[in-house]
Amino acid sequence: MLVKKQKSGCLSGLTRWYIYAIHGLLCEILFTASWDFILTCNQKVIGVSSIWAMFIYGTAIFVIEKMFLHLEDKCHLLSRCLLYLLWTYVWEFSTGFLLKTFNACPWDYSHFSGNIMGLITLEYAVPWYFGCMIAEQVVIKNTLRLQFIQDGQKNCKGR
């Protein structure tokens, strides 16, 4: 099914960024809860995150949206997701490095063998790759289709 490409739909960039931020925060909480349950069988299934995650995920997915709009007709999905994965690692490393400077980085991958300065880990490449694919195919495409409709309007342009 082809989705009609709308660069911004009727949602502002800030509104789309907020949707992406909430999505990222929720995914992180669900991931940490699931991981903790697998490791400890903790029946409480408690997930954790950081308030920084909203900014980090919102911005990361917003940039992926821009990449998607630019590359959709030029690159195959699997190639785009590889580019998104590279962007994700650069962004996670950069934001982690900045937060670590202020002793505020909420993650530490030092215990993973594929870690780089404890800020990223290559062990997460496959989950990040599929996370990027889901971000594009589900979150971004559907967010771009969202519209605010006022009474009496059929769509944002009044058509």
Protein backbone atom coordinates (compact mmCIF):
# COMPACT_ATOMS: atom_id res chain seq x y z
CA MET A 1 0.00 0.00 0.00
CA LEU A 2 1.45 3.33 -1.00
CA VAL A 3 1.12 6.16 1.46
CA LYS A 4 0.54 9.55 -0.09
CA LYS A 5 3.61 11.53 0.89
CA GLN A 6 2.85 14.71 2.78
CA LYS A 7 5.91 16.61 3.93
CA SER A 8 4.30 17.83 7.10
CA GLY A 9 0.64 16.88 6.86
CA CYS A 10 -1.27 19.23 9.06
CA LEU A 11 0.76 18.64 12.17
CA SER A 12 3.48 21.10 13.01
CA GLY A 13 7.05 19.92 13.31
CA LEU A 14 6.86 20.40 17.06
CA THR A 15 3.74 18.22 17.29
CA ARG A 16 5.38 15.46 15.24
CA TRP A 17 8.54 15.75 17.35
CA TYR A 18 6.39 15.32 20.48
CA ILE A 19 4.75 12.17 19.07
CA TYR A 20 8.18 10.77 18.25
CA ALA A 21 9.49 11.68 21.72
CA ILE A 22 6.60 9.93 23.47
CA HIS A 23 7.00 6.88 21.19
CA GLY A 24 10.71 6.62 21.97
CA LEU A 25 10.16 7.05 25.70
CA LEU A 26 7.46 4.37 25.73
CA CYS A 27 9.61 1.95 23.72
CA GLU A 28 12.53 2.44 26.10
CA ILE A 29 10.35 1.81 29.15
CA LEU A 30 8.89 -1.32 27.55
CA PHE A 31 12.34 -2.55 26.47
CA THR A 32 13.90 -2.07 29.92
CA ALA A 33 10.90 -3.71 31.60
CA SER A 34 11.07 -6.69 29.25
CA TRP A 35 14.83 -7.01 29.61
CA ASP A 36 14.59 -6.85 33.40
CA PHE A 37 11.82 -9.46 33.39
CA ILE A 38 13.91 -11.81 31.21
CA LEU A 39 16.97 -11.43 33.45
CA THR A 40 15.32 -11.44 36.88
CA CYS A 41 11.78 -12.77 36.36
CA ASN A 42 10.61 -9.73 38.33
CA GLN A 43 6.83 -9.99 38.19
CA LYS A 44 6.48 -6.21 38.65
CA VAL A 45 7.79 -5.65 35.09
CA ILE A 46 9.12 -2.19 35.89
CA GLY A 47 10.67 -0.21 33.06
CA VAL A 48 12.92 2.80 33.47
CA SER A 49 14.04 5.73 31.40
CA SER A 50 15.30 9.26 31.76
CA ILE A 51 13.69 12.59 31.01
CA TRP A 52 16.56 13.11 28.55
CA ALA A 53 15.09 10.26 26.49
CA MET A 54 12.26 12.48 25.26
CA PHE A 55 14.67 14.97 23.70
CA ILE A 56 16.97 12.25 22.39
CA TYR A 57 14.28 10.07 20.81
CA GLY A 58 12.14 12.97 19.60
CA THR A 59 15.07 14.53 17.78
CA ALA A 60 16.45 11.23 16.48
CA ILE A 61 13.15 10.16 14.93
CA PHE A 62 12.45 13.67 13.62
CA VAL A 63 15.78 13.53 11.74
CA ILE A 64 14.91 10.04 10.48
CA GLU A 65 11.61 11.49 9.20
CA LYS A 66 13.58 14.07 7.18
CA MET A 67 15.88 11.34 5.86
CA PHE A 68 12.85 9.20 4.93
CA LEU A 69 11.20 12.04 2.99
CA HIS A 70 14.44 12.68 1.11
CA LEU A 71 15.43 9.06 0.46
CA GLU A 72 12.10 7.24 0.02
CA ASP A 73 12.21 7.26 -3.79
CA LYS A 74 16.01 6.97 -3.99
CA CYS A 75 16.89 4.12 -1.66
CA HIS A 76 15.50 0.69 -0.79
CA LEU A 77 14.01 0.27 2.70
CA LEU A 78 16.86 -1.98 3.90
CA SER A 79 19.46 0.59 2.82
CA ARG A 80 17.53 3.44 4.43
CA CYS A 81 17.35 1.48 7.68
CA LEU A 82 21.11 1.00 7.58
CA LEU A 83 21.52 4.77 7.25
CA TYR A 84 19.05 5.29 10.10
CA LEU A 85 21.06 2.82 12.21
CA LEU A 86 24.28 4.76 11.56
CA TRP A 87 22.51 8.01 12.44
CA THR A 88 21.14 6.40 15.63
CA TYR A 89 24.63 5.36 16.73
CA VAL A 90 26.09 8.80 15.97
CA TRP A 91 23.23 10.51 17.83
CA GLU A 92 23.35 8.14 20.83
CA PHE A 93 27.12 8.54 21.09
CA SER A 94 26.97 12.35 20.74
CA THR A 95 24.17 12.89 23.23
CA GLY A 96 25.70 10.36 25.62
CA PHE A 97 29.08 12.10 25.39
CA LEU A 98 27.49 15.48 26.10
CA LEU A 99 25.46 14.15 29.03
CA LYS A 100 28.47 12.26 30.39
CA THR A 101 30.36 15.57 30.45
CA PHE A 102 27.79 16.79 32.98
CA ASN A 103 27.59 13.44 34.79
CA ALA A 104 24.01 13.07 33.53
CA CYS A 105 24.21 10.17 31.05
CA PRO A 106 21.51 7.68 32.06
CA TRP A 107 23.02 4.69 30.23
CA ASP A 108 26.30 2.85 30.49
CA TYR A 109 27.18 0.03 28.12
CA SER A 110 30.65 -0.56 29.62
CA HIS A 111 29.76 -4.14 30.53
CA PHE A 112 29.13 -5.05 26.86
CA SER A 113 32.11 -6.33 24.86
CA GLY A 114 31.19 -4.23 21.80
CA ASN A 115 30.92 -0.94 23.67
CA ILE A 116 32.57 2.30 22.62
CA MET A 117 33.38 4.44 25.66
CA GLY A 118 30.34 2.89 27.35
CA LEU A 119 28.12 5.19 25.27
CA ILE A 120 27.06 2.80 22.50
CA THR A 121 27.25 -0.93 22.04
CA LEU A 122 27.41 -2.89 18.83
CA GLU A 123 25.39 -5.68 20.48
CA TYR A 124 22.28 -3.52 20.01
CA ALA A 125 22.75 -3.12 16.23
CA VAL A 126 20.05 -5.64 15.28
CA PRO A 127 17.39 -4.31 17.71
CA TRP A 128 18.22 -0.72 16.66
CA TYR A 129 17.99 -1.69 12.98
CA PHE A 130 14.52 -3.16 13.39
CA GLY A 131 13.55 -0.28 15.67
CA CYS A 132 14.47 2.11 12.86
CA MET A 133 12.41 0.06 10.42
CA ILE A 134 9.39 0.20 12.73
CA ALA A 135 9.96 3.92 13.25
CA GLU A 136 9.80 4.54 9.51
CA GLN A 137 7.12 2.06 8.47
CA VAL A 138 4.72 2.56 11.37
CA VAL A 139 5.43 5.67 13.41
CA ILE A 140 6.67 8.16 10.82
CA LYS A 141 4.37 7.15 7.97
CA ASN A 142 1.29 7.25 10.19
CA THR A 143 2.31 10.47 11.94
CA LEU A 144 2.70 12.15 8.55
CA ARG A 145 -0.87 11.08 7.72
CA LEU A 146 -2.36 12.65 10.86
CA GLN A 147 -4.37 15.84 10.47
CA PHE A 148 -6.18 18.25 12.69
CA ILE A 149 -9.67 18.72 11.26
CA GLN A 150 -11.81 21.64 12.29
CA ASP A 151 -15.60 21.51 12.25
CA GLY A 152 -16.89 21.59 8.69
CA GLN A 153 -13.52 20.77 7.10
CA LYS A 154 -12.80 17.58 5.22
CA ASN A 155 -9.05 18.03 5.55
CA CYS A 156 -6.53 20.68 6.53
CA LYS A 157 -6.66 22.49 3.25
CA GLY A 158 -10.45 22.76 3.42
CA ARG A 159 -10.95 20.52 0.39
